[in-house]
């Protein structure tokens, strides 16, 4: 059975981004469907998969990370107003039997992602 997971790395501090709020949304043809709202744990991850087994279906998803809120809470300079507010990663699950790991590496000024497993 496949699963979807994420983690966030604070590249300013060089450590996991703990307590970053994010949302998981499935992009449906009719309307977006909000699936999960959560915070990263002390390791910058969630305690379990965001979706697993039959809950993970083929389709397009978005992870929306509230980075400005996180950096403000950490006391990190990010401009006024912040350059990045919510970083949205839109990706497609083609094979729901596979593992999809979608990390975010972020600073107040830029970000990167990739497909992990």
Protein backbone atom coordinates (compact mmCIF):
# COMPACT_ATOMS: atom_id res chain seq x y z
CA UNK A 1 0.00 0.00 0.00
CA UNK A 2 1.24 3.46 -0.87
CA UNK A 3 1.61 6.46 1.39
CA UNK A 4 2.17 10.21 1.29
CA UNK A 5 4.52 11.96 3.71
CA UNK A 6 6.35 15.26 4.06
CA UNK A 7 9.00 17.01 6.09
CA UNK A 8 10.31 20.57 6.29
CA UNK A 9 13.89 21.76 6.73
CA UNK A 10 14.61 25.31 7.92
CA UNK A 11 17.65 26.16 5.80
CA UNK A 12 18.36 29.33 7.82
CA UNK A 13 18.98 27.29 10.96
CA UNK A 14 20.08 24.10 9.25
CA UNK A 15 17.58 22.03 11.23
CA UNK A 16 14.07 20.57 10.98
CA UNK A 17 11.27 23.14 10.95
CA UNK A 18 9.26 22.17 14.01
CA UNK A 19 5.70 23.41 14.49
CA UNK A 20 5.17 24.61 10.91
CA UNK A 21 1.49 24.61 9.99
CA UNK A 22 0.46 23.10 6.67
CA UNK A 23 -2.63 21.94 4.80
CA UNK A 24 -3.13 19.07 2.39
CA UNK A 25 -5.70 19.59 -0.37
CA UNK A 26 -6.83 17.29 -3.17
CA UNK A 27 -7.54 19.17 -6.39
CA UNK A 28 -10.87 17.77 -7.54
CA UNK A 29 -12.47 18.65 -10.90
CA UNK A 30 -15.43 20.23 -9.10
CA UNK A 31 -13.71 21.96 -6.18
CA UNK A 32 -10.61 21.59 -3.99
CA UNK A 33 -11.09 19.17 -1.09
CA UNK A 34 -9.35 20.00 2.18
CA UNK A 35 -7.96 16.75 3.63
CA UNK A 36 -5.59 17.60 6.48
CA UNK A 37 -4.41 20.52 8.60
CA UNK A 38 -1.41 19.73 10.78
CA UNK A 39 1.87 20.93 12.26
CA UNK A 40 5.28 19.40 11.82
CA UNK A 41 6.77 17.68 14.85
CA UNK A 42 10.20 18.24 16.46
CA UNK A 43 11.82 16.38 13.55
CA UNK A 44 10.06 18.59 10.96
CA UNK A 45 7.81 15.68 9.98
CA UNK A 46 4.40 14.33 10.90
CA UNK A 47 4.01 11.44 13.32
CA UNK A 48 2.57 9.26 10.56
CA UNK A 49 1.75 9.39 6.85
CA UNK A 50 -0.59 12.12 5.67
CA UNK A 51 -2.44 9.57 3.56
CA UNK A 52 -1.94 5.81 3.36
CA UNK A 53 -3.61 2.76 1.90
CA UNK A 54 -7.01 3.37 0.32
CA UNK A 55 -6.98 7.04 1.40
CA UNK A 56 -4.21 7.73 -1.15
CA UNK A 57 -5.78 7.88 -4.58
CA UNK A 58 -4.39 8.91 -7.95
CA UNK A 59 -4.82 12.62 -8.59
CA UNK A 60 -3.46 16.08 -8.01
CA UNK A 61 -2.70 17.38 -4.52
CA UNK A 62 -1.39 20.54 -2.88
CA UNK A 63 0.66 20.93 0.25
CA UNK A 64 0.36 24.52 1.52
CA UNK A 65 3.08 25.41 4.04
CA UNK A 66 2.57 28.55 6.16
CA UNK A 67 6.19 29.68 6.07
CA UNK A 68 5.79 33.37 6.99
CA UNK A 69 3.89 32.41 10.13
CA UNK A 70 6.65 29.91 11.01
CA UNK A 71 9.55 32.33 10.44
CA UNK A 72 7.75 35.06 12.40
CA UNK A 73 7.34 32.68 15.35
CA UNK A 74 11.06 31.83 15.11
CA UNK A 75 12.02 35.53 15.08
CA UNK A 76 13.65 35.22 11.65
CA UNK A 77 13.95 38.41 9.56
CA UNK A 78 11.81 37.97 6.45
CA UNK A 79 11.01 41.45 5.18
CA UNK A 80 7.94 43.59 5.71
CA UNK A 81 5.76 42.24 4.28
CA UNK A 82 7.34 38.78 4.05
CA UNK A 83 8.54 37.74 0.58
CA UNK A 84 7.08 34.23 1.00
CA UNK A 85 3.80 33.75 2.82
CA UNK A 86 2.32 30.36 1.97
CA UNK A 87 4.43 28.01 -0.16
CA UNK A 88 2.16 25.76 -2.19
CA UNK A 89 3.51 22.60 -3.77
CA UNK A 90 1.16 21.07 -6.36
CA UNK A 91 2.02 17.52 -7.35
CA UNK A 92 0.42 14.47 -8.90
CA UNK A 93 0.11 10.97 -7.50
CA UNK A 94 0.13 8.65 -10.50
CA UNK A 95 0.47 5.34 -8.65
CA UNK A 96 -1.36 5.17 -5.31
CA UNK A 97 0.51 1.93 -4.50
CA UNK A 98 3.83 3.86 -4.42
CA UNK A 99 5.35 5.95 -1.67
CA UNK A 100 5.40 9.71 -2.21
CA UNK A 101 7.54 11.86 0.06
CA UNK A 102 7.27 15.60 -0.65
CA UNK A 103 9.79 17.61 1.40
CA UNK A 104 10.20 21.37 1.62
CA UNK A 105 13.60 23.03 2.12
CA UNK A 106 12.88 26.67 2.89
CA UNK A 107 14.24 30.09 3.86
CA UNK A 108 12.28 33.36 3.96
CA UNK A 109 13.61 34.07 0.46
CA UNK A 110 13.36 30.79 -1.43
CA UNK A 111 12.53 27.10 -1.35
CA UNK A 112 13.16 23.76 -3.02
CA UNK A 113 11.42 20.42 -3.19
CA UNK A 114 11.79 17.03 -4.82
CA UNK A 115 10.01 13.70 -4.96
CA UNK A 116 11.36 11.32 -2.40
CA UNK A 117 10.14 7.89 -1.50
